[in-house]
Amino acid sequence: MTFETSEMSDTLEQAVARSGGLDTLLRDLTDRAVDAVPGAGACSITVRRGDRLLTLAGSSGMPSGLDQRQYEHGSGPCVTAAETGTEQYAPDLATETRWATYTAYALSAGVRCVLALPLDVEGGTRAAINFYGVRPGVLGADRERARAFAARVADAVNVALRVERRRESAADVRTALLSRSVIDQAIGIIMARERIDARLALERLRRVSQDRNVKLRDLCDQLVTRASETAARGGK
């Protein structure tokens, strides 16, 4: 699976749109990663969203809480890889001295070896792909293959994030249009009731909004709803 050409990128964007977004796409990639990287028993992908790190996808058989424990304590290989942009490799957690709290939990979950690779994601988004092995040293023999897969995953993440940003932008536009429509309707109601022009009607709505400490859009929505209900009752 490669994402090197613009044609493949376009195909991937279509796949993201069809699949339901970033989460579904990454879940498939983590399963592929386990097959592609020798020694990997499980894989997860970490991405920072807002002010926190989240595991957006984990492969089948991913031990529950393995990443979340790192996020809770702000310490662990995938946290360090994502936040610092540096590769983290722990060949044997039984002898690992970093991330003491996390190491104990991972060992209890049957994990002995961890490889966390930062992902080069656009816009300064912090991300990492995390490989887990059940035997010491199993992820060290072919780390180049893991790095190559990480580069392809980063391409997929970039495309998926672009698709999501476009969706969010479209949603913002729809919301703005709906708000404008409701405000315009409310202005029309005030104009008809008080026989004033649009400018004065909008000023009156804004003043009431401030006095009541209610958002203008919500105030207009309430006014339009009441007017519709009155009309439905025959103006009574």
C-alpha atoms as a PDB file:
ATOM      1  CA  MET A   1       0.000   0.000   0.000  1.00  0.00           C
ATOM      2  CA  THR A   2       1.584   3.283  -1.095  1.00  0.00           C
ATOM      3  CA  PHE A   3       0.393   6.876  -1.068  1.00  0.00           C
ATOM      4  CA  GLU A   4       3.115   8.477  -3.171  1.00  0.00           C
ATOM      5  CA  THR A   5       1.216   9.808  -6.212  1.00  0.00           C
ATOM      6  CA  SER A   6      -1.461  12.476  -6.461  1.00  0.00           C
ATOM      7  CA  GLU A   7      -3.740   9.895  -8.081  1.00  0.00           C
ATOM      8  CA  MET A   8      -3.376   7.629  -5.052  1.00  0.00           C
ATOM      9  CA  SER A   9      -3.947  10.605  -2.766  1.00  0.00           C
ATOM     10  CA  ASP A  10      -7.195  11.418  -4.571  1.00  0.00           C
ATOM     11  CA  THR A  11      -8.268   7.784  -4.242  1.00  0.00           C
ATOM     12  CA  LEU A  12      -7.445   7.872  -0.546  1.00  0.00           C
ATOM     13  CA  GLU A  13      -9.488  11.037  -0.041  1.00  0.00           C
ATOM     14  CA  GLN A  14     -12.445   9.284  -1.654  1.00  0.00           C
ATOM     15  CA  ALA A  15     -11.878   6.272   0.607  1.00  0.00           C
ATOM     16  CA  VAL A  16     -11.842   8.491   3.694  1.00  0.00           C
ATOM     17  CA  ALA A  17     -15.083  10.156   2.653  1.00  0.00           C
ATOM     18  CA  ARG A  18     -16.742   6.785   2.019  1.00  0.00           C
ATOM     19  CA  SER A  19     -15.408   5.136   5.156  1.00  0.00           C
ATOM     20  CA  GLY A  20     -16.742   7.756   7.547  1.00  0.00           C
ATOM     21  CA  GLY A  21     -13.543   9.651   8.258  1.00  0.00           C
ATOM     22  CA  LEU A  22     -10.239   9.432   9.968  1.00  0.00           C
ATOM     23  CA  ASP A  23     -11.134   6.922  12.673  1.00  0.00           C
ATOM     24  CA  THR A  24     -12.276   4.183  10.309  1.00  0.00           C
ATOM     25  CA  LEU A  25      -9.335   4.662   7.980  1.00  0.00           C
ATOM     26  CA  LEU A  26      -6.786   4.500  10.791  1.00  0.00           C
ATOM     27  CA  ARG A  27      -8.375   1.412  12.301  1.00  0.00           C
ATOM     28  CA  ASP A  28      -7.744  -0.396   9.025  1.00  0.00           C
ATOM     29  CA  LEU A  29      -4.174   0.912   8.884  1.00  0.00           C
ATOM     30  CA  THR A  30      -3.346  -0.356  12.375  1.00  0.00           C
ATOM     31  CA  ASP A  31      -4.437  -3.855  11.393  1.00  0.00           C
ATOM     32  CA  ARG A  32      -2.248  -3.614   8.281  1.00  0.00           C
ATOM     33  CA  ALA A  33       0.662  -2.401  10.413  1.00  0.00           C
ATOM     34  CA  VAL A  34       0.559  -5.522  12.560  1.00  0.00           C
ATOM     35  CA  ASP A  35       0.851  -7.645   9.410  1.00  0.00           C
ATOM     36  CA  ALA A  36       3.566  -5.449   7.891  1.00  0.00           C
ATOM     37  CA  VAL A  37       5.940  -5.086  10.853  1.00  0.00           C
ATOM     38  CA  PRO A  38       7.678  -8.245  12.141  1.00  0.00           C
ATOM     39  CA  GLY A  39       7.132  -8.834  15.842  1.00  0.00           C
ATOM     40  CA  ALA A  40       4.195  -6.438  16.173  1.00  0.00           C
ATOM     41  CA  GLY A  41       1.347  -7.936  18.156  1.00  0.00           C
ATOM     42  CA  ALA A  42      -0.684  -4.737  18.287  1.00  0.00           C
ATOM     43  CA  CYS A  43      -0.581  -1.201  16.936  1.00  0.00           C
ATOM     44  CA  SER A  44      -2.214   2.118  17.737  1.00  0.00           C
ATOM     45  CA  ILE A  45      -2.149   5.647  16.361  1.00  0.00           C
ATOM     46  CA  THR A  46      -1.996   8.676  18.630  1.00  0.00           C
ATOM     47  CA  VAL A  47      -3.036  12.156  17.465  1.00  0.00           C
ATOM     48  CA  ARG A  48      -3.303  15.375  19.437  1.00  0.00           C
ATOM     49  CA  ARG A  49      -6.722  16.960  19.175  1.00  0.00           C
ATOM     50  CA  GLY A  50      -7.091  20.289  20.896  1.00  0.00           C
ATOM     51  CA  ASP A  51      -5.324  20.127  24.237  1.00  0.00           C
ATOM     52  CA  ARG A  52      -5.057  16.364  24.619  1.00  0.00           C
ATOM     53  CA  LEU A  53      -3.714  13.228  23.013  1.00  0.00           C
ATOM     54  CA  LEU A  54      -6.172  10.591  21.836  1.00  0.00           C
ATOM     55  CA  THR A  55      -5.880   7.088  20.479  1.00  0.00           C
ATOM     56  CA  LEU A  56      -7.931   7.369  17.320  1.00  0.00           C
ATOM     57  CA  ALA A  57      -7.500   3.745  16.339  1.00  0.00           C
ATOM     58  CA  GLY A  58      -6.095   0.500  17.610  1.00  0.00           C
ATOM     59  CA  SER A  59      -5.599  -2.829  15.898  1.00  0.00           C
ATOM     60  CA  SER A  60      -7.594  -5.935  16.679  1.00  0.00           C
ATOM     61  CA  GLY A  61      -6.369  -7.388  19.962  1.00  0.00           C
ATOM     62  CA  MET A  62      -5.054  -4.049  21.239  1.00  0.00           C
ATOM     63  CA  PRO A  63      -4.910  -4.286  25.074  1.00  0.00           C
ATOM     64  CA  SER A  64      -7.440  -1.950  26.648  1.00  0.00           C
ATOM     65  CA  GLY A  65      -6.028   1.156  28.308  1.00  0.00           C
ATOM     66  CA  LEU A  66      -2.481   0.674  27.038  1.00  0.00           C
ATOM     67  CA  ASP A  67      -2.286   4.186  25.575  1.00  0.00           C
ATOM     68  CA  GLN A  68      -4.787   5.838  27.897  1.00  0.00           C
ATOM     69  CA  ARG A  69      -2.588   5.101  30.906  1.00  0.00           C
ATOM     70  CA  GLN A  70       0.178   7.109  29.228  1.00  0.00           C
ATOM     71  CA  TYR A  71      -2.113  10.065  28.559  1.00  0.00           C
ATOM     72  CA  GLU A  72      -3.346  10.108  32.151  1.00  0.00           C
ATOM     73  CA  HIS A  73       0.194  10.395  33.503  1.00  0.00           C
ATOM     74  CA  GLY A  74       1.663  12.373  30.604  1.00  0.00           C
ATOM     75  CA  SER A  75       4.420   9.799  30.356  1.00  0.00           C
ATOM     76  CA  GLY A  76       5.165   6.883  28.055  1.00  0.00           C
ATOM     77  CA  PRO A  77       6.745   6.025  24.711  1.00  0.00           C
ATOM     78  CA  CYS A  78       3.883   7.173  22.485  1.00  0.00           C
ATOM     79  CA  VAL A  79       3.460  10.412  24.458  1.00  0.00           C
ATOM     80  CA  THR A  80       7.175  11.155  24.161  1.00  0.00           C
ATOM     81  CA  ALA A  81       7.275  10.271  20.454  1.00  0.00           C
ATOM     82  CA  ALA A  82       4.261  12.445  19.636  1.00  0.00           C
ATOM     83  CA  GLU A  83       5.252  15.417  21.790  1.00  0.00           C
ATOM     84  CA  THR A  84       8.981  15.518  21.010  1.00  0.00           C
ATOM     85  CA  GLY A  85       9.013  14.119  17.474  1.00  0.00           C
ATOM     86  CA  THR A  86      11.682  11.569  18.408  1.00  0.00           C
ATOM     87  CA  GLU A  87      11.589   7.798  17.998  1.00  0.00           C
ATOM     88  CA  GLN A  88      11.182   5.814  21.207  1.00  0.00           C
ATOM     89  CA  TYR A  89      12.228   2.169  21.504  1.00  0.00           C
ATOM     90  CA  ALA A  90      12.003   0.013  24.603  1.00  0.00           C
ATOM     91  CA  PRO A  91      13.381  -3.440  23.735  1.00  0.00           C
ATOM     92  CA  ASP A  92      12.397  -4.930  27.100  1.00  0.00           C
ATOM     93  CA  LEU A  93      10.003  -3.213  29.472  1.00  0.00           C
ATOM     94  CA  ALA A  94      11.120  -5.549  32.239  1.00  0.00           C
ATOM     95  CA  THR A  95      14.430  -3.680  32.339  1.00  0.00           C
ATOM     96  CA  GLU A  96      13.157  -0.257  31.201  1.00  0.00           C
ATOM     97  CA  THR A  97      13.832   2.635  33.604  1.00  0.00           C
ATOM     98  CA  ARG A  98      11.808   5.321  31.810  1.00  0.00           C
ATOM     99  CA  TRP A  99       8.070   5.765  32.345  1.00  0.00           C
ATOM    100  CA  ALA A 100       7.920   3.662  35.520  1.00  0.00           C
ATOM    101  CA  THR A 101       4.156   3.892  36.074  1.00  0.00           C
ATOM    102  CA  TYR A 102       3.354   3.059  32.480  1.00  0.00           C
ATOM    103  CA  THR A 103       5.918   0.240  32.293  1.00  0.00           C
ATOM    104  CA  ALA A 104       4.309  -1.609  35.195  1.00  0.00           C
ATOM    105  CA  TYR A 105       0.900  -1.386  33.565  1.00  0.00           C
ATOM    106  CA  ALA A 106       2.152  -2.496  30.150  1.00  0.00           C
ATOM    107  CA  LEU A 107       3.901  -5.516  31.642  1.00  0.00           C
ATOM    108  CA  SER A 108       0.689  -6.493  33.426  1.00  0.00           C
ATOM    109  CA  ALA A 109      -1.041  -6.371  30.030  1.00  0.00           C
ATOM    110  CA  GLY A 110       1.526  -8.764  28.547  1.00  0.00           C
ATOM    111  CA  VAL A 111       3.566  -6.185  26.603  1.00  0.00           C
ATOM    112  CA  ARG A 112       7.359  -6.552  26.717  1.00  0.00           C
ATOM    113  CA  CYS A 113       8.549  -4.439  23.785  1.00  0.00           C
ATOM    114  CA  VAL A 114       7.411  -1.031  22.457  1.00  0.00           C
ATOM    115  CA  LEU A 115       8.372   1.019  19.415  1.00  0.00           C
ATOM    116  CA  ALA A 116       6.775   4.479  19.056  1.00  0.00           C
ATOM    117  CA  LEU A 117       7.456   6.509  15.920  1.00  0.00           C
ATOM    118  CA  PRO A 118       6.475  10.163  15.427  1.00  0.00           C
ATOM    119  CA  LEU A 119       4.314  10.935  12.409  1.00  0.00           C
ATOM    120  CA  ASP A 120       5.076  13.903  10.177  1.00  0.00           C
ATOM    121  CA  VAL A 121       1.639  15.508  10.105  1.00  0.00           C
ATOM    122  CA  GLU A 122       0.739  18.855   8.536  1.00  0.00           C
ATOM    123  CA  GLY A 123      -0.167  21.947  10.512  1.00  0.00           C
ATOM    124  CA  GLY A 124       1.908  21.114  13.569  1.00  0.00           C
ATOM    125  CA  THR A 125      -0.439  18.322  14.650  1.00  0.00           C
ATOM    126  CA  ARG A 126       1.386  15.939  16.966  1.00  0.00           C
ATOM    127  CA  ALA A 127       1.003  12.256  16.247  1.00  0.00           C
ATOM    128  CA  ALA A 128       2.701   8.885  16.618  1.00  0.00           C
ATOM    129  CA  ILE A 129       2.253   5.281  15.589  1.00  0.00           C
ATOM    130  CA  ASN A 130       2.894   2.740  18.326  1.00  0.00           C
ATOM    131  CA  PHE A 131       3.924  -0.890  17.904  1.00  0.00           C
ATOM    132  CA  TYR A 132       3.658  -3.407  20.742  1.00  0.00           C
ATOM    133  CA  GLY A 133       5.379  -6.776  21.037  1.00  0.00           C
ATOM    134  CA  VAL A 134       4.811  -9.593  23.510  1.00  0.00           C
ATOM    135  CA  ARG A 135       8.433 -10.766  23.593  1.00  0.00           C
ATOM    136  CA  PRO A 136      11.611  -8.799  24.380  1.00  0.00           C
ATOM    137  CA  GLY A 137      13.443  -7.365  21.369  1.00  0.00           C
ATOM    138  CA  VAL A 138      10.945  -8.510  18.734  1.00  0.00           C
ATOM    139  CA  LEU A 139      10.547  -5.021  17.252  1.00  0.00           C
ATOM    140  CA  GLY A 140      14.238  -4.286  16.887  1.00  0.00           C
ATOM    141  CA  ALA A 141      15.139  -6.529  13.962  1.00  0.00           C
ATOM    142  CA  ASP A 142      13.395  -4.556  11.219  1.00  0.00           C
ATOM    143  CA  ARG A 143      12.744  -1.056  12.498  1.00  0.00           C
ATOM    144  CA  GLU A 144      13.280   0.286   8.981  1.00  0.00           C
ATOM    145  CA  ARG A 145      10.117  -1.456   7.868  1.00  0.00           C
ATOM    146  CA  ALA A 146       8.239   0.148  10.752  1.00  0.00           C
ATOM    147  CA  ARG A 147       9.613   3.573   9.784  1.00  0.00           C
ATOM    148  CA  ALA A 148       8.593   3.078   6.164  1.00  0.00           C
ATOM    149  CA  PHE A 149       5.089   2.108   7.216  1.00  0.00           C
ATOM    150  CA  ALA A 150       4.933   5.127   9.547  1.00  0.00           C
ATOM    151  CA  ALA A 151       5.743   7.428   6.613  1.00  0.00           C
ATOM    152  CA  ARG A 152       2.848   5.984   4.623  1.00  0.00           C
ATOM    153  CA  VAL A 153       0.524   6.277   7.612  1.00  0.00           C
ATOM    154  CA  ALA A 154       1.497   9.954   7.976  1.00  0.00           C
ATOM    155  CA  ASP A 155       0.424  10.510   4.366  1.00  0.00           C
ATOM    156  CA  ALA A 156      -2.916   8.883   5.120  1.00  0.00           C
ATOM    157  CA  VAL A 157      -3.386  10.933   8.288  1.00  0.00           C
ATOM    158  CA  ASN A 158      -2.658  14.149   6.385  1.00  0.00           C
ATOM    159  CA  VAL A 159      -5.239  13.330   3.721  1.00  0.00           C
ATOM    160  CA  ALA A 160      -7.790  12.258   6.313  1.00  0.00           C
ATOM    161  CA  LEU A 161      -7.314  15.420   8.351  1.00  0.00           C
ATOM    162  CA  ARG A 162      -7.750  17.533   5.226  1.00  0.00           C
ATOM    163  CA  VAL A 163     -11.052  15.762   4.523  1.00  0.00           C
ATOM    164  CA  GLU A 164     -12.203  16.351   8.098  1.00  0.00           C
ATOM    165  CA  ARG A 165     -11.223  20.025   7.981  1.00  0.00           C
ATOM    166  CA  ARG A 166     -13.276  20.467   4.806  1.00  0.00           C
ATOM    167  CA  ARG A 167     -16.245  18.790   6.473  1.00  0.00           C
ATOM    168  CA  GLU A 168     -15.917  21.025   9.528  1.00  0.00           C
ATOM    169  CA  SER A 169     -15.670  24.101   7.300  1.00  0.00           C
ATOM    170  CA  ALA A 170     -18.783  23.055   5.398  1.00  0.00           C
ATOM    171  CA  ALA A 171     -20.619  22.498   8.685  1.00  0.00           C
ATOM    172  CA  ASP A 172     -19.593  25.976   9.865  1.00  0.00           C
ATOM    173  CA  VAL A 173     -20.927  27.488   6.648  1.00  0.00           C
ATOM    174  CA  ARG A 174     -24.232  25.641   7.021  1.00  0.00           C
ATOM    175  CA  THR A 175     -24.531  26.824  10.622  1.00  0.00           C
ATOM    176  CA  ALA A 176     -23.792  30.407   9.600  1.00  0.00           C
ATOM    177  CA  LEU A 177     -26.371  30.251   6.827  1.00  0.00           C
ATOM    178  CA  LEU A 178     -29.008  28.849   9.174  1.00  0.00           C
ATOM    179  CA  SER A 179     -28.238  31.563  11.726  1.00  0.00           C
ATOM    180  CA  ARG A 180     -28.484  34.262   9.068  1.00  0.00           C
ATOM    181  CA  SER A 181     -31.805  32.867   7.890  1.00  0.00           C
ATOM    182  CA  VAL A 182     -33.290  32.866  11.394  1.00  0.00           C
ATOM    183  CA  ILE A 183     -32.040  36.407  12.078  1.00  0.00           C
ATOM    184  CA  ASP A 184     -33.502  37.650   8.794  1.00  0.00           C
ATOM    185  CA  GLN A 185     -36.842  36.056   9.621  1.00  0.00           C
ATOM    186  CA  ALA A 186     -36.836  37.692  13.055  1.00  0.00           C
ATOM    187  CA  ILE A 187     -36.004  41.079  11.514  1.00  0.00           C
ATOM    188  CA  GLY A 188     -38.956  40.651   9.159  1.00  0.00           C
ATOM    189  CA  ILE A 189     -41.298  39.884  12.067  1.00  0.00           C
ATOM    190  CA  ILE A 190     -40.190  42.995  13.997  1.00  0.00           C
ATOM    191  CA  MET A 191     -40.504  45.151  10.875  1.00  0.00           C
ATOM    192  CA  ALA A 192     -44.073  43.963  10.292  1.00  0.00           C
ATOM    193  CA  ARG A 193     -45.129  44.323  13.922  1.00  0.00           C
ATOM    194  CA  GLU A 194     -43.597  47.706  14.660  1.00  0.00           C
ATOM    195  CA  ARG A 195     -43.565  49.192  11.132  1.00  0.00           C
ATOM    196  CA  ILE A 196     -39.859  50.035  11.218  1.00  0.00           C
ATOM    197  CA  ASP A 197     -37.072  49.441   8.736  1.00  0.00           C
ATOM    198  CA  ALA A 198     -34.573  46.531   8.815  1.00  0.00           C
ATOM    199  CA  ARG A 199     -31.783  48.554  10.438  1.00  0.00           C
ATOM    200  CA  LEU A 200     -33.933  49.595  13.394  1.00  0.00           C
ATOM    201  CA  ALA A 201     -35.354  46.080  13.725  1.00  0.00           C
ATOM    202  CA  LEU A 202     -31.855  44.596  13.950  1.00  0.00           C
ATOM    203  CA  GLU A 203     -30.783  47.222  16.477  1.00  0.00           C
ATOM    204  CA  ARG A 204     -33.814  46.411  18.620  1.00  0.00           C
ATOM    205  CA  LEU A 205     -33.055  42.693  18.504  1.00  0.00           C
ATOM    206  CA  ARG A 206     -29.431  43.306  19.455  1.00  0.00           C
ATOM    207  CA  ARG A 207     -30.449  45.495  22.383  1.00  0.00           C
ATOM    208  CA  VAL A 208     -32.851  42.848  23.706  1.00  0.00           C
ATOM    209  CA  SER A 209     -30.155  40.205  23.207  1.00  0.00           C
ATOM    210  CA  GLN A 210     -27.731  42.201  25.349  1.00  0.00           C
ATOM    211  CA  ASP A 211     -30.314  43.046  28.014  1.00  0.00           C
ATOM    212  CA  ARG A 212     -31.340  39.409  28.400  1.00  0.00           C
ATOM    213  CA  ASN A 213     -27.800  38.074  27.985  1.00  0.00           C
ATOM    214  CA  VAL A 214     -29.003  35.747  25.234  1.00  0.00           C
ATOM    215  CA  LYS A 215     -27.218  35.098  21.963  1.00  0.00           C
ATOM    216  CA  LEU A 216     -28.772  36.971  19.053  1.00  0.00           C
ATOM    217  CA  ARG A 217     -29.268  33.784  17.077  1.00  0.00           C
ATOM    218  CA  ASP A 218     -31.054  32.089  20.025  1.00  0.00           C
ATOM    219  CA  LEU A 219     -33.255  35.136  20.633  1.00  0.00           C
ATOM    220  CA  CYS A 220     -34.269  35.229  16.963  1.00  0.00           C
ATOM    221  CA  ASP A 221     -34.924  31.502  16.968  1.00  0.00           C
ATOM    222  CA  GLN A 222     -37.273  31.905  19.942  1.00  0.00           C
ATOM    223  CA  LEU A 223     -39.084  34.797  18.234  1.00  0.00           C
ATOM    224  CA  VAL A 224     -39.516  32.901  14.962  1.00  0.00           C
ATOM    225  CA  THR A 225     -40.723  29.790  16.823  1.00  0.00           C
ATOM    226  CA  ARG A 226     -43.319  31.764  18.775  1.00  0.00           C
ATOM    227  CA  ALA A 227     -44.509  33.517  15.615  1.00  0.00           C
ATOM    228  CA  SER A 228     -44.851  30.149  13.830  1.00  0.00           C
ATOM    229  CA  GLU A 229     -46.818  28.679  16.728  1.00  0.00           C
ATOM    230  CA  THR A 230     -49.121  31.705  16.803  1.00  0.00           C
ATOM    231  CA  ALA A 231     -49.687  31.427  13.056  1.00  0.00           C
ATOM    232  CA  ALA A 232     -50.491  27.744  13.419  1.00  0.00           C
ATOM    233  CA  ARG A 233     -53.170  28.587  16.023  1.00  0.00           C
ATOM    234  CA  GLY A 234     -54.742  31.050  13.609  1.00  0.00           C
ATOM    235  CA  GLY A 235     -53.184  34.149  15.162  1.00  0.00           C
ATOM    236  CA  LYS A 236     -54.752  33.579  18.570  1.00  0.00           C
END
